[in-house]
Amino acid sequence: MRTFWIGTGWKMNKTAAEARDYIATFLSLRLEPAEGVRLFVVPPFTALAAVREAIGASPLLLGAQNMHWAEAGACTGEISIGMLMESSVDLVELGHSERRAQFGETDAAINLKVKTALSHGVRPLVCVGDSAEERDAGASAEAVVRQVKLAFAGVSADDLGRCLIAYEPIWAIGETGVAASQEHVRRTHRAIHNALEAMTPHPVPVLYGGSVDHTNVAEFAREPSVDGLFIGRAAWRAEGFAALITAAVLARSSVRLPEGRAFR
């Protein structure tokens, strides 16, 4: 059975106290563990230690929202991999479109960060996405495949097998975002999977993120080319996250999926 990933990123929301309460509430709901499903949360830096403590022995994974590629140095305001490892993070989100657009993050910088994370045993979750202009020109697949290739340039086939990718259309995220159609997601995910097959023999999960909520979570979970969901504001309440997980797991269980490799 292929692993299905379900996570939520909190952006610049939740204090350490609020994050601790969220995890306590989520764990108190006592979701039945589902075979082949891995769950993760990605809080802001200031809440990492609190969330790690609150997670305790739970299998819930902890991610960080960004990191610098350098081990240390004159990089005021940045966070190093060593600082993240103090909170025992399991993964790190890299290349989110907000980082690219608002903070000038380049494909070359993302590539450096991927290599640093892998060298320290932290799993990169690399975000890729197309603009509305690229979508309207029919160039979504080309745009995201380019980002994938540049993010993993020089990464060994074995190391690439330790990574995750989140396809997040820029036009589908945020308060005004509109979720992509299932056909658009299928077409784009298959293009990413095909590109990855040329880079590694290992399956690399490709998650979808972009206005996932209770109205469409089952539809995306049933899509065979989708290996997980990266959910935003619909999961910012613990009860909402739990409900979305339950709906996704139930939907996924009704689909017969081929083993091993992803989809052409």
Protein backbone atom coordinates (compact mmCIF):
# COMPACT_ATOMS: atom_id res chain seq x y z
CA MET A 1 0.00 0.00 0.00
CA ARG A 2 1.36 3.41 -0.97
CA THR A 3 1.64 5.92 1.84
CA PHE A 4 -0.92 8.74 1.74
CA TRP A 5 0.24 12.00 3.35
CA ILE A 6 -2.11 14.51 5.00
CA GLY A 7 -0.75 17.69 6.55
CA THR A 8 -1.51 21.28 7.37
CA GLY A 9 0.67 24.38 7.19
CA TRP A 10 -0.22 27.25 9.49
CA LYS A 11 1.68 30.09 7.79
CA MET A 12 2.12 33.09 10.17
CA ASN A 13 -0.60 31.98 12.57
CA LYS A 14 -0.75 30.59 16.12
CA THR A 15 1.36 31.48 19.11
CA ALA A 16 3.17 28.72 20.99
CA ALA A 17 0.28 28.53 23.47
CA GLU A 18 -2.31 28.34 20.69
CA ALA A 19 -0.28 25.68 18.91
CA ARG A 20 -0.01 23.62 22.09
CA ASP A 21 -3.78 23.81 22.58
CA TYR A 22 -4.37 22.78 18.95
CA ILE A 23 -2.24 19.64 19.31
CA ALA A 24 -3.83 18.75 22.65
CA THR A 25 -7.30 19.07 21.14
CA PHE A 26 -6.33 17.11 18.04
CA LEU A 27 -4.86 14.24 20.03
CA SER A 28 -7.86 14.20 22.38
CA LEU A 29 -10.09 13.37 19.40
CA ARG A 30 -8.37 9.98 19.24
CA LEU A 31 -8.58 9.35 15.52
CA GLU A 32 -8.31 5.68 14.65
CA PRO A 33 -4.90 5.10 13.02
CA ALA A 34 -5.26 4.29 9.33
CA GLU A 35 -2.84 1.94 7.61
CA GLY A 36 -0.59 3.70 5.14
CA VAL A 37 -1.53 7.26 6.24
CA ARG A 38 1.02 9.72 7.63
CA LEU A 39 -0.03 12.97 9.26
CA PHE A 40 1.99 16.15 9.76
CA VAL A 41 1.67 19.74 10.95
CA VAL A 42 3.86 22.71 9.94
CA PRO A 43 3.67 25.47 12.58
CA PRO A 44 5.67 28.73 12.65
CA PHE A 45 9.22 28.63 14.00
CA THR A 46 8.28 30.06 17.41
CA ALA A 47 5.86 27.19 18.04
CA LEU A 48 8.10 24.28 16.98
CA ALA A 49 9.36 23.42 20.47
CA ALA A 50 5.87 23.64 21.97
CA VAL A 51 4.39 21.44 19.26
CA ARG A 52 7.18 18.88 19.54
CA GLU A 53 6.53 18.62 23.29
CA ALA A 54 2.77 18.39 22.77
CA ILE A 55 3.10 15.67 20.13
CA GLY A 56 4.95 13.44 22.57
CA ALA A 57 4.85 9.78 21.51
CA SER A 58 2.15 10.39 18.89
CA PRO A 59 3.08 9.43 15.30
CA LEU A 60 2.12 12.95 14.17
CA LEU A 61 5.08 14.39 12.23
CA LEU A 62 6.47 17.89 12.75
CA GLY A 63 7.57 20.20 9.94
CA ALA A 64 9.13 23.65 9.71
CA GLN A 65 8.10 26.33 7.22
CA ASN A 66 11.53 27.22 5.82
CA MET A 67 15.28 27.20 6.55
CA HIS A 68 18.52 28.69 5.29
CA TRP A 69 20.97 26.50 3.40
CA ALA A 70 23.97 27.63 5.46
CA GLU A 71 24.89 25.85 8.69
CA ALA A 72 25.51 29.19 10.44
CA GLY A 73 26.64 32.70 9.60
CA ALA A 74 25.76 36.34 9.04
CA CYS A 75 22.18 35.75 7.92
CA THR A 76 20.15 37.95 10.23
CA GLY A 77 16.61 36.73 10.77
CA GLU A 78 17.20 33.31 9.22
CA ILE A 79 16.89 29.82 10.72
CA SER A 80 19.50 27.09 10.24
CA ILE A 81 19.05 23.36 9.94
CA GLY A 82 20.74 22.92 13.32
CA MET A 83 18.17 25.18 14.94
CA LEU A 84 15.37 23.12 13.40
CA MET A 85 16.92 19.89 14.56
CA GLU A 86 16.81 21.12 18.17
CA SER A 87 13.05 20.67 17.87
CA SER A 88 13.49 17.27 16.16
CA VAL A 89 11.62 18.28 13.02
CA ASP A 90 10.79 15.48 10.62
CA LEU A 91 10.41 17.60 7.50
CA VAL A 92 10.86 21.12 6.19
CA GLU A 93 8.63 22.97 3.73
CA LEU A 94 10.64 24.68 0.99
CA GLY A 95 9.76 26.85 -1.99
CA HIS A 96 6.24 27.93 -1.07
CA SER A 97 4.92 30.42 -3.62
CA GLU A 98 4.66 33.11 -0.93
CA ARG A 99 8.37 32.68 -0.23
CA ARG A 100 9.12 32.91 -3.94
CA ALA A 101 6.91 35.96 -4.58
CA GLN A 102 7.26 37.98 -1.37
CA PHE A 103 10.84 37.18 -0.40
CA GLY A 104 12.55 36.61 -3.74
CA GLU A 105 13.32 32.95 -3.17
CA THR A 106 14.87 31.43 -6.29
CA ASP A 107 15.00 27.90 -7.66
CA ALA A 108 18.75 27.91 -6.99
CA ALA A 109 18.20 28.78 -3.32
CA ILE A 110 15.59 26.05 -2.97
CA ASN A 111 18.03 23.55 -4.46
CA LEU A 112 20.67 24.50 -1.88
CA LYS A 113 18.14 24.13 0.93
CA VAL A 114 17.02 20.71 -0.32
CA LYS A 115 20.61 19.47 -0.25
CA THR A 116 21.25 20.84 3.25
CA ALA A 117 18.06 19.28 4.63
CA LEU A 118 18.87 15.89 3.10
CA SER A 119 22.43 15.97 4.43
CA HIS A 120 21.00 16.23 7.95
CA GLY A 121 18.30 13.59 7.55
CA VAL A 122 15.39 16.03 7.36
CA ARG A 123 12.80 15.32 4.65
CA PRO A 124 12.24 18.23 2.22
CA LEU A 125 8.66 19.05 1.25
CA VAL A 126 9.15 21.10 -1.91
CA CYS A 127 6.26 23.28 -3.06
CA VAL A 128 5.77 23.95 -6.77
CA GLY A 129 3.02 25.85 -8.52
CA ASP A 130 1.84 27.57 -11.66
CA SER A 131 0.54 31.11 -12.06
CA ALA A 132 -2.86 31.98 -13.51
CA GLU A 133 -1.10 33.18 -16.66
CA GLU A 134 0.70 29.85 -17.04
CA ARG A 135 -2.55 27.97 -16.46
CA ASP A 136 -4.42 30.05 -19.04
CA ALA A 137 -1.63 29.49 -21.59
CA GLY A 138 -1.82 25.73 -21.06
CA ALA A 139 1.69 25.75 -19.58
CA SER A 140 0.98 24.51 -16.04
CA ALA A 141 2.75 21.18 -16.49
CA GLU A 142 5.84 22.75 -18.07
CA ALA A 143 6.04 25.38 -15.31
CA VAL A 144 5.92 22.95 -12.40
CA VAL A 145 8.15 20.31 -14.02
CA ARG A 146 10.79 23.00 -14.51
CA GLN A 147 10.58 23.87 -10.79
CA VAL A 148 10.86 20.19 -9.86
CA LYS A 149 13.95 19.65 -12.02
CA LEU A 150 15.69 22.74 -10.67
CA ALA A 151 14.82 21.97 -7.04
CA PHE A 152 16.41 18.52 -7.28
CA ALA A 153 19.31 19.27 -9.63
CA GLY A 154 22.37 17.38 -8.40
CA VAL A 155 20.36 15.35 -5.86
CA SER A 156 21.06 11.64 -6.03
CA ALA A 157 18.33 9.21 -7.06
CA ASP A 158 18.33 7.65 -3.59
CA ASP A 159 18.09 11.02 -1.84
CA LEU A 160 15.27 12.10 -4.14
CA GLY A 161 13.34 9.09 -2.91
CA ARG A 162 13.33 10.68 0.56
CA CYS A 163 11.58 13.86 -0.64
CA LEU A 164 8.00 15.06 -0.92
CA ILE A 165 6.47 17.45 -3.45
CA ALA A 166 3.38 19.59 -2.95
CA TYR A 167 1.68 20.91 -6.07
CA GLU A 168 0.02 24.16 -5.02
CA PRO A 169 -1.34 26.29 -7.88
CA ILE A 170 -0.65 29.93 -6.99
CA TRP A 171 -4.20 30.83 -8.05
CA ALA A 172 -5.70 28.17 -5.78
CA ILE A 173 -4.20 29.21 -2.43
CA GLY A 174 -5.14 31.98 0.00
CA GLU A 175 -8.46 33.52 0.97
CA THR A 176 -9.46 34.23 -2.64
CA GLY A 177 -8.15 30.96 -4.06
CA VAL A 178 -10.30 28.52 -6.01
CA ALA A 179 -9.44 24.83 -5.94
CA ALA A 180 -8.12 23.31 -9.15
CA SER A 181 -10.36 20.93 -11.03
CA GLN A 182 -9.73 17.23 -10.59
CA GLU A 183 -8.76 16.98 -14.27
CA HIS A 184 -6.21 19.81 -13.94
CA VAL A 185 -4.72 18.17 -10.85
CA ARG A 186 -4.60 14.78 -12.57
CA ARG A 187 -2.88 16.18 -15.65
CA THR A 188 -0.33 18.18 -13.66
CA HIS A 189 0.44 15.43 -11.16
CA ARG A 190 0.99 12.94 -13.96
CA ALA A 191 3.45 15.35 -15.60
CA ILE A 192 5.35 15.64 -12.30
CA HIS A 193 5.36 11.88 -11.78
CA ASN A 194 6.63 11.32 -15.31
CA ALA A 195 9.48 13.78 -14.77
CA LEU A 196 10.39 12.10 -11.49
CA GLU A 197 10.50 8.66 -13.12
CA ALA A 198 13.38 9.92 -15.26
CA MET A 199 15.23 11.08 -12.14
CA THR A 200 14.83 8.22 -9.66
CA PRO A 201 13.56 4.63 -9.47
CA HIS A 202 12.00 5.45 -6.09
CA PRO A 203 8.40 6.67 -5.81
CA VAL A 204 8.24 10.33 -4.74
CA PRO A 205 4.87 11.33 -3.23
CA VAL A 206 3.16 14.30 -4.88
CA LEU A 207 0.61 16.03 -2.64
CA TYR A 208 -2.05 18.50 -3.72
CA GLY A 209 -2.66 21.77 -1.87
CA GLY A 210 -4.91 24.65 -2.82
CA SER A 211 -8.31 25.44 -1.26
CA VAL A 212 -8.80 21.88 -0.02
CA ASP A 213 -11.84 21.81 2.27
CA HIS A 214 -14.77 19.61 3.31
CA THR A 215 -16.50 20.12 -0.06
CA ASN A 216 -13.70 18.64 -2.17
CA VAL A 217 -11.41 16.63 0.10
CA ALA A 218 -12.96 13.29 -0.88
CA GLU A 219 -12.67 14.09 -4.58
CA PHE A 220 -8.95 14.83 -4.29
CA ALA A 221 -8.31 11.87 -2.00
CA ARG A 222 -9.88 9.50 -4.53
CA GLU A 223 -7.70 10.78 -7.38
CA PRO A 224 -5.06 8.06 -7.99
CA SER A 225 -2.35 10.54 -9.05
CA VAL A 226 -2.62 12.36 -5.71
CA ASP A 227 -0.39 10.92 -2.98
CA GLY A 228 -1.52 13.25 -0.23
CA LEU A 229 -3.08 16.57 0.73
CA PHE A 230 -1.42 19.72 2.08
CA ILE A 231 -4.25 21.70 3.65
CA GLY A 232 -4.39 25.34 4.71
CA ARG A 233 -7.04 27.32 6.54
CA ALA A 234 -9.67 24.55 6.48
CA ALA A 235 -7.42 22.65 8.91
CA TRP A 236 -6.47 25.52 11.20
CA ARG A 237 -8.93 24.24 13.80
CA ALA A 238 -8.02 20.86 15.24
CA GLU A 239 -11.56 19.58 14.77
CA GLY A 240 -11.49 20.68 11.14
CA PHE A 241 -8.20 18.90 10.50
CA ALA A 242 -9.55 15.72 12.08
CA ALA A 243 -12.74 15.85 10.02
CA LEU A 244 -10.77 16.33 6.80
CA ILE A 245 -8.48 13.42 7.65
CA THR A 246 -11.46 11.17 8.32
CA ALA A 247 -13.13 12.15 5.04
CA ALA A 248 -9.93 11.66 3.05
CA VAL A 249 -9.20 8.26 4.56
CA LEU A 250 -12.73 7.02 3.91
CA ALA A 251 -12.62 8.26 0.31
CA ARG A 252 -9.19 6.79 -0.29
CA SER A 253 -10.22 3.40 1.06
CA SER A 254 -12.84 3.09 -1.68
CA VAL A 255 -10.25 3.34 -4.47
CA ARG A 256 -8.20 0.41 -5.69
CA LEU A 257 -4.71 1.77 -6.29
CA PRO A 258 -1.87 0.07 -8.14
CA GLU A 259 1.16 -0.75 -6.02
CA GLY A 260 4.60 0.80 -6.32
CA ARG A 261 5.20 3.33 -9.02
CA ALA A 262 3.05 6.38 -9.47
CA PHE A 263 1.10 7.30 -12.59
CA ARG A 264 2.02 8.12 -16.17
